[in-house]
Every structure is written in structure tokens, then in C-alpha cells.
């Protein structure tokens, strides 16, 4: 009986530790945000489409401290890329990112953020849209 009780107690402790480990994996590390993020894909519902870059350069968002965001977009390889600079804020308690570029303000929920990947979700026309970025060009 003591062996069964000891085994159950050990399993309960291990189960408690594993749930803490899973919670740590889901935590977003906001200190990874300040860098250049290249567009990789867009997800709407269950469908995903890869981002198509121009052969002369890659479009990106760049977050620079303190709270400056820059967007670069190539429309034609015969011309210089379009750039726009704005601001961003982060609410770390709820993993929320808000960007303002020109007259457009968009609020995202950061779903994933590490040194190489950023996934940010927002609503567009009542649809949840996730933008996927990579820090590797």
C-alpha cells in the first residue's frame, strides 16, 4: 500500500511539473521584438499563403527601441522601395502589440515570438488574420 501511495504521489508531482513546463513554452518573450522581421506568410482561418517577395529585396517590418516601427515594401525592382515610419506600443501583460503607420493603427495579439519567429494575429473584416514573420532573410 505504501508503494502504491508513493507511486501516486510521484506521478502527481511529475504531472504538476509538466504543466508548469508547458506554460513556460507558451510565454512570449517581448525582448525579442526589437529587430527586423521579414514577411513569411498569412493565415486566415485554416488556410495559409506564403508571402511573395520581389527578386530585388524583401519586405519587412523593423521594430526599433524606443517604440519606432519602420515598414519597407518593394513594389517594383526598377524603383526604390516604399518606406513608412511610425510608432508601436506593447502591453506585455496580454501580449498585445499596437502599430501606427501613417493613419492606420492596428492592434495585434502576439501568438508567438522568439529569436527567429513572430506570429501576430488581428481581425480584418471580422476574420482572424495571422501574419507570420521570420528574422532570417
C-alpha atoms as a PDB file:
ATOM      1  CA  UNK A   1       0.000   0.000   0.000  1.00  0.00           C
ATOM      2  CA  UNK A   2       2.844   2.388   0.855  1.00  0.00           C
ATOM      3  CA  UNK A   3       4.450   1.658  -2.537  1.00  0.00           C
ATOM      4  CA  UNK A   4       1.212   2.466  -4.396  1.00  0.00           C
ATOM      5  CA  UNK A   5       0.753   5.682  -2.391  1.00  0.00           C
ATOM      6  CA  UNK A   6       4.379   6.662  -3.094  1.00  0.00           C
ATOM      7  CA  UNK A   7       3.933   5.924  -6.804  1.00  0.00           C
ATOM      8  CA  UNK A   8       0.744   8.022  -6.961  1.00  0.00           C
ATOM      9  CA  UNK A   9       2.446  10.873  -5.113  1.00  0.00           C
ATOM     10  CA  UNK A  10       5.398  10.760  -7.541  1.00  0.00           C
ATOM     11  CA  UNK A  11       3.065  10.771 -10.576  1.00  0.00           C
ATOM     12  CA  UNK A  12       1.139  13.718  -9.144  1.00  0.00           C
ATOM     13  CA  UNK A  13       4.370  15.672  -8.665  1.00  0.00           C
ATOM     14  CA  UNK A  14       5.536  14.888 -12.204  1.00  0.00           C
ATOM     15  CA  UNK A  15       2.178  15.890 -13.661  1.00  0.00           C
ATOM     16  CA  UNK A  16       2.361  19.172 -11.758  1.00  0.00           C
ATOM     17  CA  UNK A  17       5.848  19.885 -13.078  1.00  0.00           C
ATOM     18  CA  UNK A  18       4.973  19.119 -16.678  1.00  0.00           C
ATOM     19  CA  UNK A  19       2.077  21.590 -16.752  1.00  0.00           C
ATOM     20  CA  UNK A  20       4.411  24.342 -15.496  1.00  0.00           C
ATOM     21  CA  UNK A  21       6.861  23.489 -18.277  1.00  0.00           C
ATOM     22  CA  UNK A  22       4.090  23.812 -20.898  1.00  0.00           C
ATOM     23  CA  UNK A  23       3.091  27.216 -19.531  1.00  0.00           C
ATOM     24  CA  UNK A  24       6.683  28.421 -19.893  1.00  0.00           C
ATOM     25  CA  UNK A  25       6.762  27.354 -23.559  1.00  0.00           C
ATOM     26  CA  UNK A  26       3.682  29.497 -24.294  1.00  0.00           C
ATOM     27  CA  UNK A  27       5.167  32.635 -22.761  1.00  0.00           C
ATOM     28  CA  UNK A  28       6.028  35.335 -25.283  1.00  0.00           C
ATOM     29  CA  UNK A  29       9.484  36.864 -24.882  1.00  0.00           C
ATOM     30  CA  UNK A  30       8.903  40.531 -25.758  1.00  0.00           C
ATOM     31  CA  UNK A  31      12.614  41.338 -25.564  1.00  0.00           C
ATOM     32  CA  UNK A  32      12.917  39.562 -28.940  1.00  0.00           C
ATOM     33  CA  UNK A  33      10.669  42.075 -30.744  1.00  0.00           C
ATOM     34  CA  UNK A  34      13.225  44.818 -31.476  1.00  0.00           C
ATOM     35  CA  UNK A  35      14.687  43.646 -34.792  1.00  0.00           C
ATOM     36  CA  UNK A  36      13.865  43.349 -38.498  1.00  0.00           C
ATOM     37  CA  UNK A  37      11.011  40.926 -39.309  1.00  0.00           C
ATOM     38  CA  UNK A  38      10.563  39.675 -42.887  1.00  0.00           C
ATOM     39  CA  UNK A  39       7.073  38.737 -44.062  1.00  0.00           C
ATOM     40  CA  UNK A  40       6.774  34.960 -44.429  1.00  0.00           C
ATOM     41  CA  UNK A  41       3.068  34.023 -44.664  1.00  0.00           C
ATOM     42  CA  UNK A  42      -0.502  34.999 -43.892  1.00  0.00           C
ATOM     43  CA  UNK A  43      -3.024  32.695 -42.233  1.00  0.00           C
ATOM     44  CA  UNK A  44      -6.778  33.209 -42.459  1.00  0.00           C
ATOM     45  CA  UNK A  45      -8.711  30.520 -40.637  1.00  0.00           C
ATOM     46  CA  UNK A  46      -7.272  27.140 -41.633  1.00  0.00           C
ATOM     47  CA  UNK A  47      -5.676  28.368 -44.860  1.00  0.00           C
ATOM     48  CA  UNK A  48      -2.196  29.798 -45.216  1.00  0.00           C
ATOM     49  CA  UNK A  49      -0.464  31.549 -48.096  1.00  0.00           C
ATOM     50  CA  UNK A  50       3.248  32.218 -48.444  1.00  0.00           C
ATOM     51  CA  UNK A  51       4.361  35.818 -48.858  1.00  0.00           C
ATOM     52  CA  UNK A  52       5.856  36.532 -52.284  1.00  0.00           C
ATOM     53  CA  UNK A  53       8.836  38.911 -52.210  1.00  0.00           C
ATOM     54  CA  UNK A  54      10.271  40.814 -55.169  1.00  0.00           C
ATOM     55  CA  UNK A  55      13.560  39.367 -56.511  1.00  0.00           C
ATOM     56  CA  UNK A  56      15.389  42.621 -55.699  1.00  0.00           C
ATOM     57  CA  UNK A  57      14.527  42.729 -51.993  1.00  0.00           C
ATOM     58  CA  UNK A  58      12.366  41.506 -49.149  1.00  0.00           C
ATOM     59  CA  UNK A  59       9.556  43.427 -47.484  1.00  0.00           C
ATOM     60  CA  UNK A  60       9.836  43.798 -43.724  1.00  0.00           C
ATOM     61  CA  UNK A  61       8.764  45.450 -40.508  1.00  0.00           C
ATOM     62  CA  UNK A  62      11.507  46.664 -38.209  1.00  0.00           C
ATOM     63  CA  UNK A  63      10.911  47.440 -34.538  1.00  0.00           C
ATOM     64  CA  UNK A  64      13.465  49.825 -33.078  1.00  0.00           C
ATOM     65  CA  UNK A  65      13.601  50.988 -29.496  1.00  0.00           C
ATOM     66  CA  UNK A  66      12.162  53.234 -28.256  1.00  0.00           C
ATOM     67  CA  UNK A  67       8.811  52.395 -29.869  1.00  0.00           C
ATOM     68  CA  UNK A  68       9.630  53.161 -33.515  1.00  0.00           C
ATOM     69  CA  UNK A  69       8.465  50.857 -36.304  1.00  0.00           C
ATOM     70  CA  UNK A  70       9.575  51.012 -39.932  1.00  0.00           C
ATOM     71  CA  UNK A  71       7.908  49.221 -42.842  1.00  0.00           C
ATOM     72  CA  UNK A  72       9.697  48.641 -46.146  1.00  0.00           C
ATOM     73  CA  UNK A  73       7.830  47.398 -49.206  1.00  0.00           C
ATOM     74  CA  UNK A  74       9.194  46.691 -52.691  1.00  0.00           C
ATOM     75  CA  UNK A  75       6.554  47.261 -55.380  1.00  0.00           C
ATOM     76  CA  UNK A  76       8.858  47.291 -58.392  1.00  0.00           C
ATOM     77  CA  UNK A  77      12.530  46.432 -58.733  1.00  0.00           C
ATOM     78  CA  UNK A  78      13.013  49.443 -61.022  1.00  0.00           C
ATOM     79  CA  UNK A  79      12.219  51.898 -58.229  1.00  0.00           C
ATOM     80  CA  UNK A  80      13.308  52.442 -54.642  1.00  0.00           C
ATOM     81  CA  UNK A  81      11.207  50.629 -52.045  1.00  0.00           C
ATOM     82  CA  UNK A  82       8.380  52.396 -50.248  1.00  0.00           C
ATOM     83  CA  UNK A  83       9.137  53.087 -46.606  1.00  0.00           C
ATOM     84  CA  UNK A  84       6.989  54.334 -43.784  1.00  0.00           C
ATOM     85  CA  UNK A  85       7.945  55.060 -40.204  1.00  0.00           C
ATOM     86  CA  UNK A  86       5.557  55.050 -37.273  1.00  0.00           C
ATOM     87  CA  UNK A  87       5.214  54.032 -33.651  1.00  0.00           C
ATOM     88  CA  UNK A  88       4.406  50.914 -31.702  1.00  0.00           C
ATOM     89  CA  UNK A  89       3.381  50.065 -28.160  1.00  0.00           C
ATOM     90  CA  UNK A  90       3.370  46.768 -26.316  1.00  0.00           C
ATOM     91  CA  UNK A  91       1.137  45.611 -23.478  1.00  0.00           C
ATOM     92  CA  UNK A  92       3.216  42.739 -22.112  1.00  0.00           C
ATOM     93  CA  UNK A  93       0.521  41.562 -19.682  1.00  0.00           C
ATOM     94  CA  UNK A  94      -1.744  40.461 -22.534  1.00  0.00           C
ATOM     95  CA  UNK A  95       0.850  40.044 -25.333  1.00  0.00           C
ATOM     96  CA  UNK A  96      -0.665  42.921 -27.290  1.00  0.00           C
ATOM     97  CA  UNK A  97       1.163  44.922 -29.960  1.00  0.00           C
ATOM     98  CA  UNK A  98      -0.261  48.107 -31.485  1.00  0.00           C
ATOM     99  CA  UNK A  99       1.349  49.721 -34.525  1.00  0.00           C
ATOM    100  CA  UNK A 100       0.581  53.079 -36.112  1.00  0.00           C
ATOM    101  CA  UNK A 101       1.933  53.647 -39.621  1.00  0.00           C
ATOM    102  CA  UNK A 102       0.591  56.766 -41.306  1.00  0.00           C
ATOM    103  CA  UNK A 103      -3.098  56.988 -40.460  1.00  0.00           C
ATOM    104  CA  UNK A 104      -3.523  53.237 -39.879  1.00  0.00           C
ATOM    105  CA  UNK A 105      -3.470  51.843 -36.338  1.00  0.00           C
ATOM    106  CA  UNK A 106      -3.625  48.062 -35.954  1.00  0.00           C
ATOM    107  CA  UNK A 107      -3.733  46.054 -32.737  1.00  0.00           C
ATOM    108  CA  UNK A 108      -2.338  42.524 -32.755  1.00  0.00           C
ATOM    109  CA  UNK A 109      -2.205  39.669 -30.283  1.00  0.00           C
ATOM    110  CA  UNK A 110       1.281  38.202 -30.311  1.00  0.00           C
ATOM    111  CA  UNK A 111       0.814  34.442 -30.649  1.00  0.00           C
ATOM    112  CA  UNK A 112       4.479  33.514 -30.997  1.00  0.00           C
ATOM    113  CA  UNK A 113       7.699  35.438 -30.523  1.00  0.00           C
ATOM    114  CA  UNK A 114      11.219  34.119 -30.238  1.00  0.00           C
ATOM    115  CA  UNK A 115      14.564  34.980 -31.826  1.00  0.00           C
ATOM    116  CA  UNK A 116      13.516  33.686 -35.267  1.00  0.00           C
ATOM    117  CA  UNK A 117       9.702  33.726 -35.443  1.00  0.00           C
ATOM    118  CA  UNK A 118       6.917  36.241 -34.889  1.00  0.00           C
ATOM    119  CA  UNK A 119       3.217  35.478 -35.301  1.00  0.00           C
ATOM    120  CA  UNK A 120       0.785  38.346 -34.764  1.00  0.00           C
ATOM    121  CA  UNK A 121      -2.996  37.987 -35.019  1.00  0.00           C
ATOM    122  CA  UNK A 122      -5.551  40.710 -35.736  1.00  0.00           C
ATOM    123  CA  UNK A 123      -9.116  40.970 -37.040  1.00  0.00           C
ATOM    124  CA  UNK A 124      -9.802  42.232 -40.547  1.00  0.00           C
ATOM    125  CA  UNK A 125     -13.437  42.392 -41.721  1.00  0.00           C
ATOM    126  CA  UNK A 126     -14.477  40.096 -38.838  1.00  0.00           C
ATOM    127  CA  UNK A 127     -11.909  37.455 -39.816  1.00  0.00           C
ATOM    128  CA  UNK A 128      -8.911  36.494 -37.699  1.00  0.00           C
ATOM    129  CA  UNK A 129      -5.747  37.025 -39.679  1.00  0.00           C
ATOM    130  CA  UNK A 130      -2.300  35.895 -38.517  1.00  0.00           C
ATOM    131  CA  UNK A 131       0.817  37.419 -40.036  1.00  0.00           C
ATOM    132  CA  UNK A 132       3.895  35.187 -39.876  1.00  0.00           C
ATOM    133  CA  UNK A 133       7.366  36.734 -39.920  1.00  0.00           C
ATOM    134  CA  UNK A 134      10.913  35.445 -39.769  1.00  0.00           C
ATOM    135  CA  UNK A 135      14.040  37.262 -38.640  1.00  0.00           C
ATOM    136  CA  UNK A 136      16.119  35.280 -41.149  1.00  0.00           C
ATOM    137  CA  UNK A 137      16.146  36.937 -44.612  1.00  0.00           C
END
